[in-house]
Amino acid sequence: MNGDDAAGAAEAGAEAIRCMLMRGGTSKGAYFLAEDLPVDPGARDELLLRVMGSPDPRQIDGLGGAHPLTSKVAVVSASPGPEADIDYLFLQVAVTRAEVTDRQNCGNLLAGVGPFAVERGLVHPGEAETTVRIRMRNTGDLAVANFRTPGGRVVYSGSAEISDVPGTAAPVLIEFPPGHGPLLPTGRVRDTVADVPVTCVDNGMPTVLIAASSLEVTGYETPRDLEEDPALADRLREIRLEAGRLMGLGDVEHTTVPKLSLLAPPRDGGAVMTRTFIPARCHTSIGVLGAASVAAGLRTKGSVGEDIAQLPTAGNTLRIEHPAGFLDVEIDIETAAVPVVRRTAVVRTARKIFDGTVFPRPVHTPSA
């Protein structure tokens, strides 16, 4: 914050916090250094609700964009351990509830974490490109981001194009080493949940794979049409609650995981068509880690998706179709009795939208 900003904030008696707003993949969020936020999680979350303008369906008095995909926060700090350069904590800020959760990762905002770390001086950039090792604090898993830094400066313009984002930008290659937990959290390739065959998989995002036809939908409906189907909403809630317990997540009534992905045969030359719920809203595309989990499930022999997908005969890249286009996932799995993911990689883009100072909504003081 410069002197004029600080003076103005002090004069107004307002809080003022350094913040960068970035698009990461198909999401948008506020990026903060951990040192610029309260250490206490409760105080931090209360502050972020005021920053984002929640709870309010319009988020009219904050940075949020009135949708879960645009009501996200990345908290970044130098990593204390030798295995990573920086730590990244993802926080999902609810739109209509006074709730902030760290129960999941976000692979889309992850695309902006490396560039943000360079911009804030946490990582020294290379002369041509920079590689940043990132520890995702939500789960402890690691990711490695590689992006262009000609002359030691982050560039955001480029020719890479991703579905559901207008225009082009510089590519960010993100690789995910094998995670800490089992790929199949229930220990089985298939389960029956609420009388529906499912595959529960976790390749960075706890996800339940369901054949769309088993819920009497095609899997090609628009997200809005699916959201407005009350019978489907009831069935999905029932499946999610039961699957959450089977996956060792406990009571997931008030959490954002597991995600539910409805699968249908591909329409545009990909491996599978998806409709993903996060958890009640239907994603307008698909999350990076959600797509990684879908891809791992499709590569697992005997899974629900095996009878639906059209898998390529050569190569490790699977094209996951979604309402706005597709996301390519490179997935390499050791198909043993217990399947193990060797490597997962995706290409995303990120763009800095603004860098400056955010003034949170003042704390409401009831009138006497």
Protein backbone atom coordinates (compact mmCIF):
# COMPACT_ATOMS: atom_id res chain seq x y z
CA MET A 1 0.00 0.00 0.00
CA ASN A 2 1.46 3.40 -0.94
CA GLY A 3 1.51 6.45 1.30
CA ASP A 4 -1.62 8.02 -0.18
CA ASP A 5 -3.60 4.79 0.30
CA ALA A 6 -2.37 4.43 3.88
CA ALA A 7 -3.22 8.04 4.69
CA GLY A 8 -6.67 7.69 3.17
CA ALA A 9 -7.35 4.49 5.07
CA ALA A 10 -6.20 6.00 8.34
CA GLU A 11 -8.33 9.08 7.78
CA ALA A 12 -11.40 6.97 7.11
CA GLY A 13 -10.67 4.61 10.00
CA ALA A 14 -10.86 1.71 7.56
CA GLU A 15 -8.96 -1.57 7.38
CA ALA A 16 -6.65 -1.78 4.38
CA ILE A 17 -5.11 -5.04 3.18
CA ARG A 18 -2.68 -5.74 0.36
CA CYS A 19 -4.41 -7.95 -2.20
CA MET A 20 -4.05 -9.19 -5.76
CA LEU A 21 -7.11 -10.25 -7.72
CA MET A 22 -6.29 -12.94 -10.28
CA ARG A 23 -8.00 -15.28 -12.65
CA GLY A 24 -6.60 -18.72 -12.18
CA GLY A 25 -7.82 -21.21 -14.78
CA THR A 26 -11.61 -20.96 -14.86
CA SER A 27 -11.88 -19.42 -11.39
CA LYS A 28 -11.20 -15.98 -9.96
CA GLY A 29 -10.00 -15.16 -6.50
CA ALA A 30 -8.25 -12.83 -4.09
CA TYR A 31 -4.59 -13.70 -3.41
CA PHE A 32 -2.99 -12.70 -0.12
CA LEU A 33 0.32 -13.18 1.62
CA ALA A 34 -0.30 -15.05 4.87
CA GLU A 35 1.52 -12.28 6.76
CA ASP A 36 -1.10 -9.76 5.60
CA LEU A 37 -3.97 -11.69 7.23
CA PRO A 38 -4.75 -12.50 10.88
CA VAL A 39 -3.00 -15.59 12.23
CA ASP A 40 -6.09 -16.76 14.09
CA PRO A 41 -8.28 -18.75 11.61
CA GLY A 42 -11.52 -17.40 13.07
CA ALA A 43 -10.42 -13.78 12.77
CA ARG A 44 -9.04 -14.46 9.29
CA ASP A 45 -12.27 -16.02 8.07
CA GLU A 46 -14.39 -13.22 9.52
CA LEU A 47 -12.22 -10.72 7.69
CA LEU A 48 -12.42 -12.61 4.39
CA LEU A 49 -16.21 -12.75 4.56
CA ARG A 50 -16.18 -8.96 4.70
CA VAL A 51 -13.59 -8.73 1.92
CA MET A 52 -15.65 -10.93 -0.42
CA GLY A 53 -19.04 -9.46 0.55
CA SER A 54 -20.59 -12.60 2.05
CA PRO A 55 -23.20 -13.55 3.01
CA ASP A 56 -25.11 -11.92 0.17
CA PRO A 57 -26.30 -13.57 -3.08
CA ARG A 58 -24.88 -10.62 -5.05
CA GLN A 59 -21.78 -10.07 -2.90
CA ILE A 60 -22.45 -6.46 -3.81
CA ASP A 61 -20.28 -5.01 -1.04
CA GLY A 62 -17.11 -7.03 -1.72
CA LEU A 63 -14.82 -8.62 -4.26
CA GLY A 64 -16.86 -11.79 -4.79
CA GLY A 65 -18.61 -12.44 -8.08
CA ALA A 66 -21.83 -14.01 -6.74
CA HIS A 67 -20.79 -17.56 -7.64
CA PRO A 68 -18.63 -20.19 -5.90
CA LEU A 69 -16.14 -20.05 -8.80
CA THR A 70 -15.53 -16.34 -8.19
CA SER A 71 -15.65 -16.37 -4.38
CA LYS A 72 -12.26 -17.91 -3.67
CA VAL A 73 -9.14 -16.97 -1.72
CA ALA A 74 -5.50 -18.07 -1.99
CA VAL A 75 -3.24 -17.54 1.03
CA VAL A 76 0.45 -17.87 0.14
CA SER A 77 3.61 -17.99 2.25
CA ALA A 78 7.19 -19.20 2.08
CA SER A 79 7.35 -22.92 2.85
CA PRO A 80 9.30 -23.92 5.97
CA GLY A 81 10.27 -27.34 4.60
CA PRO A 82 12.84 -28.32 1.94
CA GLU A 83 10.35 -30.17 -0.26
CA ALA A 84 8.51 -27.01 -1.38
CA ASP A 85 9.24 -23.36 -2.15
CA ILE A 86 5.89 -21.97 -1.03
CA ASP A 87 2.77 -23.00 0.85
CA TYR A 88 -0.70 -22.41 -0.62
CA LEU A 89 -3.86 -22.52 1.45
CA PHE A 90 -7.11 -22.43 -0.52
CA LEU A 91 -10.21 -21.03 1.15
CA GLN A 92 -13.69 -21.30 -0.36
CA VAL A 93 -15.85 -18.39 0.77
CA ALA A 94 -19.55 -19.20 0.65
CA VAL A 95 -21.72 -16.73 -1.22
CA THR A 96 -24.99 -16.83 0.73
CA ARG A 97 -23.68 -18.16 4.07
CA ALA A 98 -21.20 -16.75 6.56
CA GLU A 99 -18.89 -19.69 5.97
CA VAL A 100 -15.27 -20.16 4.93
CA THR A 101 -13.93 -23.67 4.41
CA ASP A 102 -10.51 -25.22 3.83
CA ARG A 103 -11.80 -28.76 3.25
CA GLN A 104 -10.64 -28.90 -0.37
CA ASN A 105 -7.91 -27.78 -2.76
CA CYS A 106 -8.47 -25.63 -5.83
CA GLY A 107 -6.44 -26.54 -8.89
CA ASN A 108 -7.63 -23.53 -10.87
CA LEU A 109 -6.46 -20.85 -8.43
CA LEU A 110 -3.29 -22.93 -8.16
CA ALA A 111 -2.38 -21.68 -11.65
CA GLY A 112 -1.88 -18.17 -10.26
CA VAL A 113 0.03 -19.15 -7.12
CA GLY A 114 3.48 -19.42 -8.73
CA PRO A 115 3.22 -16.07 -10.56
CA PHE A 116 1.87 -14.44 -7.38
CA ALA A 117 4.82 -15.80 -5.39
CA VAL A 118 7.24 -14.26 -7.90
CA GLU A 119 5.36 -10.94 -7.89
CA ARG A 120 5.54 -10.81 -4.07
CA GLY A 121 9.22 -11.73 -3.94
CA LEU A 122 8.79 -15.16 -2.33
CA VAL A 123 10.47 -16.88 -5.28
CA HIS A 124 13.40 -15.62 -7.35
CA PRO A 125 12.45 -15.84 -11.05
CA GLY A 126 14.52 -17.49 -13.74
CA GLU A 127 15.72 -15.56 -16.77
CA ALA A 128 13.49 -17.48 -19.18
CA GLU A 129 11.12 -19.59 -17.10
CA THR A 130 10.47 -20.34 -13.45
CA THR A 131 9.59 -23.56 -11.68
CA VAL A 132 7.85 -23.30 -8.31
CA ARG A 133 7.28 -26.22 -5.95
CA ILE A 134 4.00 -25.69 -4.11
CA ARG A 135 2.72 -27.42 -1.00
CA MET A 136 -1.08 -27.38 -0.93
CA ARG A 137 -1.76 -26.96 2.76
CA ASN A 138 -5.36 -28.19 2.51
CA THR A 139 -4.17 -31.75 1.92
CA GLY A 140 -0.38 -31.67 2.19
CA ASP A 141 -0.04 -32.70 -1.47
CA LEU A 142 2.57 -31.14 -3.73
CA ALA A 143 2.32 -29.46 -7.12
CA VAL A 144 4.97 -28.08 -9.46
CA ALA A 145 4.17 -25.04 -11.61
CA ASN A 146 6.28 -23.94 -14.57
CA PHE A 147 5.67 -20.63 -16.36
CA ARG A 148 7.46 -18.05 -18.50
CA THR A 149 9.49 -15.26 -16.89
CA PRO A 150 11.55 -13.69 -19.71
CA GLY A 151 14.02 -11.25 -18.26
CA GLY A 152 12.96 -12.34 -14.78
CA ARG A 153 9.43 -10.90 -15.08
CA VAL A 154 6.13 -12.77 -15.10
CA VAL A 155 4.27 -12.42 -18.39
CA TYR A 156 0.57 -13.11 -18.59
CA SER A 157 0.02 -12.70 -22.32
CA GLY A 158 0.46 -15.67 -24.61
CA SER A 159 -1.18 -18.03 -27.06
CA ALA A 160 -2.54 -20.72 -24.71
CA GLU A 161 -6.31 -21.09 -24.78
CA ILE A 162 -8.47 -22.89 -22.24
CA SER A 163 -12.19 -23.57 -22.44
CA ASP A 164 -14.57 -21.21 -20.64
CA VAL A 165 -12.04 -18.34 -20.61
CA PRO A 166 -12.15 -15.66 -23.34
CA GLY A 167 -8.99 -14.91 -25.26
CA THR A 168 -5.54 -16.41 -24.74
CA ALA A 169 -2.81 -16.14 -22.10
CA ALA A 170 0.60 -17.51 -21.18
CA PRO A 171 0.53 -21.22 -20.29
CA VAL A 172 1.17 -22.51 -16.79
CA LEU A 173 2.13 -26.20 -16.73
CA ILE A 174 1.07 -27.82 -13.47
CA GLU A 175 2.28 -31.28 -12.50
CA PHE A 176 1.00 -33.25 -9.54
CA PRO A 177 3.28 -35.89 -8.01
CA PRO A 178 1.47 -38.89 -6.49
CA GLY A 179 -0.69 -37.91 -3.52
CA HIS A 180 -0.49 -39.16 0.04
CA GLY A 181 -3.80 -41.00 0.26
CA PRO A 182 -5.31 -43.94 -1.63
CA LEU A 183 -6.73 -43.37 -5.09
CA LEU A 184 -9.83 -45.36 -4.11
CA PRO A 185 -10.82 -44.06 -0.65
CA THR A 186 -13.37 -46.82 0.00
CA GLY A 187 -10.91 -49.55 -1.01
CA ARG A 188 -13.23 -50.65 -3.81
CA VAL A 189 -13.51 -49.76 -7.49
CA ARG A 190 -17.30 -49.70 -7.30
CA ASP A 191 -19.77 -49.04 -4.52
CA THR A 192 -23.54 -48.85 -4.42
CA VAL A 193 -24.67 -45.63 -2.76
CA ALA A 194 -28.37 -44.83 -2.35
CA ASP A 195 -29.07 -47.68 -4.81
CA VAL A 196 -26.81 -46.06 -7.46
CA PRO A 197 -23.53 -47.60 -8.73
CA VAL A 198 -20.65 -45.18 -8.14
CA THR A 199 -16.86 -45.03 -8.15
CA CYS A 200 -15.30 -42.98 -5.36
CA VAL A 201 -11.91 -41.63 -6.39
CA ASP A 202 -9.45 -39.07 -5.03
CA ASN A 203 -6.65 -37.88 -7.29
CA GLY A 204 -6.36 -34.53 -5.55
CA MET A 205 -10.12 -33.98 -5.15
CA PRO A 206 -12.55 -36.40 -3.47
CA THR A 207 -14.97 -37.16 -6.31
CA VAL A 208 -17.89 -39.50 -6.85
CA LEU A 209 -18.33 -40.74 -10.43
CA ILE A 210 -21.92 -41.48 -11.43
CA ALA A 211 -23.40 -42.51 -14.76
CA ALA A 212 -25.80 -39.70 -15.69
CA SER A 213 -28.27 -42.26 -17.01
CA SER A 214 -28.55 -43.88 -13.57
CA LEU A 215 -30.12 -40.64 -12.33
CA GLU A 216 -32.45 -40.39 -15.32
CA VAL A 217 -30.69 -37.45 -16.95
CA THR A 218 -28.63 -37.41 -20.14
CA GLY A 219 -25.54 -35.61 -18.84
CA TYR A 220 -25.82 -33.09 -21.69
CA GLU A 221 -28.25 -30.71 -19.93
CA THR A 222 -27.15 -27.17 -19.17
CA PRO A 223 -25.90 -26.53 -15.63
CA ARG A 224 -28.90 -24.29 -15.00
CA ASP A 225 -31.38 -26.95 -16.07
CA LEU A 226 -29.74 -29.49 -13.76
CA GLU A 227 -29.70 -27.06 -10.84
CA GLU A 228 -33.39 -26.39 -11.28
CA ASP A 229 -34.34 -30.08 -11.03
CA PRO A 230 -35.45 -30.57 -7.39
CA ALA A 231 -35.74 -34.34 -7.66
CA LEU A 232 -32.17 -34.56 -8.96
CA ALA A 233 -30.96 -32.25 -6.18
CA ASP A 234 -32.50 -34.55 -3.57
CA ARG A 235 -30.89 -37.64 -5.09
CA LEU A 236 -27.49 -35.98 -5.35
CA ARG A 237 -27.63 -34.84 -1.75
CA GLU A 238 -28.50 -38.35 -0.61
CA ILE A 239 -25.61 -39.82 -2.61
CA ARG A 240 -23.14 -37.20 -1.41
CA LEU A 241 -23.92 -37.65 2.28
CA GLU A 242 -23.61 -41.43 2.12
CA ALA A 243 -20.52 -41.37 -0.13
CA GLY A 244 -18.83 -38.87 2.15
CA ARG A 245 -19.05 -41.27 5.06
CA LEU A 246 -17.82 -44.19 2.93
CA MET A 247 -14.83 -42.10 1.80
CA GLY A 248 -13.82 -41.35 5.37
CA LEU A 249 -14.86 -37.68 5.18
CA GLY A 250 -17.42 -37.91 7.97
CA ASP A 251 -20.56 -35.77 7.88
CA VAL A 252 -20.30 -33.69 4.69
CA GLU A 253 -23.62 -31.89 5.07
CA HIS A 254 -21.90 -28.52 5.41
CA THR A 255 -18.74 -29.12 3.36
CA THR A 256 -17.87 -28.73 -0.31
CA VAL A 257 -16.49 -32.26 -0.77
CA PRO A 258 -16.91 -34.77 -2.21
CA LYS A 259 -17.73 -33.43 -5.65
CA LEU A 260 -20.20 -35.39 -7.77
CA SER A 261 -19.43 -35.87 -11.47
CA LEU A 262 -22.14 -37.19 -13.78
CA LEU A 263 -20.65 -39.05 -16.74
CA ALA A 264 -22.03 -39.46 -20.26
CA PRO A 265 -20.49 -40.58 -23.57
CA PRO A 266 -18.40 -37.82 -25.20
CA ARG A 267 -19.83 -35.61 -27.90
CA ASP A 268 -16.78 -33.85 -29.32
CA GLY A 269 -14.03 -36.42 -29.62
CA GLY A 270 -13.03 -36.50 -25.96
CA ALA A 271 -13.01 -39.35 -23.49
CA VAL A 272 -16.17 -38.51 -21.54
CA MET A 273 -18.73 -35.76 -21.00
CA THR A 274 -19.12 -34.45 -17.46
CA ARG A 275 -21.47 -32.41 -15.30
CA THR A 276 -19.92 -31.70 -11.91
CA PHE A 277 -21.66 -30.46 -8.76
CA ILE A 278 -19.73 -28.26 -6.27
CA PRO A 279 -21.67 -29.49 -4.29
CA ALA A 280 -25.13 -28.10 -5.13
CA ARG A 281 -24.28 -25.68 -7.94
CA CYS A 282 -23.40 -27.31 -11.25
CA HIS A 283 -19.94 -26.26 -12.44
CA THR A 284 -20.02 -24.28 -15.69
CA SER A 285 -16.88 -26.21 -16.69
CA ILE A 286 -14.88 -28.52 -14.37
CA GLY A 287 -12.23 -28.02 -11.72
CA VAL A 288 -8.63 -29.01 -12.44
CA LEU A 289 -8.38 -31.50 -9.59
CA GLY A 290 -11.91 -32.71 -10.24
CA ALA A 291 -10.90 -33.44 -13.84
CA ALA A 292 -7.74 -35.16 -12.58
CA SER A 293 -9.87 -37.41 -10.40
CA VAL A 294 -12.28 -38.16 -13.25
CA ALA A 295 -9.33 -39.06 -15.50
CA ALA A 296 -7.86 -41.37 -12.86
CA GLY A 297 -11.23 -43.03 -12.40
CA LEU A 298 -11.60 -43.62 -16.13
CA ARG A 299 -8.15 -45.27 -16.20
CA THR A 300 -9.11 -47.61 -13.35
CA LYS A 301 -10.33 -50.97 -14.62
CA GLY A 302 -13.87 -51.78 -13.54
CA SER A 303 -14.90 -48.23 -12.66
CA VAL A 304 -18.30 -46.74 -13.41
CA GLY A 305 -16.75 -44.68 -16.21
CA GLU A 306 -15.26 -47.71 -17.96
CA ASP A 307 -18.58 -48.53 -19.66
CA ILE A 308 -19.19 -44.90 -20.69
CA ALA A 309 -15.87 -43.43 -21.76
CA GLN A 310 -14.16 -43.68 -25.11
CA LEU A 311 -10.52 -43.99 -24.09
CA PRO A 312 -7.70 -43.34 -26.57
CA THR A 313 -5.73 -46.39 -27.67
CA ALA A 314 -2.38 -44.58 -27.36
CA GLY A 315 -0.91 -41.91 -25.11
CA ASN A 316 -1.74 -40.79 -21.59
CA THR A 317 -3.79 -37.68 -22.34
CA LEU A 318 -7.53 -37.80 -21.68
CA ARG A 319 -9.82 -35.03 -22.89
CA ILE A 320 -12.50 -34.42 -20.27
CA GLU A 321 -15.48 -32.69 -21.86
CA HIS A 322 -17.59 -30.27 -19.80
CA PRO A 323 -20.38 -27.71 -20.43
CA ALA A 324 -18.00 -25.05 -21.77
CA GLY A 325 -15.57 -27.22 -23.73
CA PHE A 326 -12.84 -29.54 -22.50
CA LEU A 327 -9.84 -29.94 -20.21
CA ASP A 328 -6.92 -32.17 -21.21
CA VAL A 329 -5.38 -34.23 -18.41
CA GLU A 330 -2.18 -36.22 -18.77
CA ILE A 331 -2.58 -39.21 -16.48
CA ASP A 332 -0.22 -42.13 -15.95
CA ILE A 333 -1.50 -44.94 -13.72
CA GLU A 334 0.07 -48.15 -12.58
CA THR A 335 -2.76 -50.61 -13.13
CA ALA A 336 -1.92 -53.07 -10.39
CA ALA A 337 -4.31 -54.76 -7.97
CA VAL A 338 -4.27 -51.46 -6.11
CA PRO A 339 -4.04 -48.72 -8.78
CA VAL A 340 -1.46 -45.98 -8.16
CA VAL A 341 -1.15 -42.69 -10.03
CA ARG A 342 2.41 -42.05 -11.21
CA ARG A 343 1.88 -38.61 -12.77
CA THR A 344 -0.84 -36.07 -13.45
CA ALA A 345 -0.34 -32.86 -15.44
CA VAL A 346 -2.51 -30.10 -16.91
CA VAL A 347 -1.98 -26.81 -18.71
CA ARG A 348 -3.80 -23.78 -17.28
CA THR A 349 -3.47 -20.03 -17.66
CA ALA A 350 -3.61 -17.18 -15.16
CA ARG A 351 -3.89 -13.41 -15.35
CA LYS A 352 -3.32 -10.61 -12.88
CA ILE A 353 -6.42 -8.40 -12.80
CA PHE A 354 -5.41 -5.87 -10.17
CA ASP A 355 -2.76 -5.46 -7.49
CA GLY A 356 -3.41 -3.02 -4.69
CA THR A 357 -5.38 -2.52 -1.52
CA VAL A 358 -8.76 -3.94 -0.58
CA PHE A 359 -10.95 -2.24 2.01
CA PRO A 360 -13.20 -4.81 3.71
CA ARG A 361 -16.79 -4.04 4.55
CA PRO A 362 -16.81 -2.48 8.05
CA VAL A 363 -17.84 -4.64 10.98
CA HIS A 364 -21.55 -4.22 11.53
CA THR A 365 -22.34 -2.60 14.85
CA PRO A 366 -26.01 -2.92 15.85
CA SER A 367 -27.63 0.39 16.69
CA ALA A 368 -28.61 0.92 20.32
